[in-house]
Amino acid sequence: MKRVMSLGSALVMGVCLLFAMERRAMAYVDPGSGLLALQSFASVMAAAVFCLRRRIMGLFTRNKPQANVATPVTVRKEDTRNAA
């Protein structure tokens, strides 16, 4: 327990020293960085919609989506001679 307390106090002092010795940054934000953030957000949203598309479609439809089940085809006897 004593180690955890000393480690915690060391971390708090380190963070305080980082804030105390902060220097001003003479920098600017590149105009393209806002577009990059917007593109990142849009791609995350598109991926979420793609992964959750069945649940989203379930919100807008009342019927459950049916599985692709092939219906049995009935073949008449007279149709078999032209079945090539």
Foldseek 3Di string as FASTA:
>chain_A
DVVVVVVVVVVVVVVVVCVVPDDDDPDDDDPCVVVVVVVVVVVVVVVVCVVCVQVVVCVVDDDHDDDPDDDDDDDDPVCVVVPD
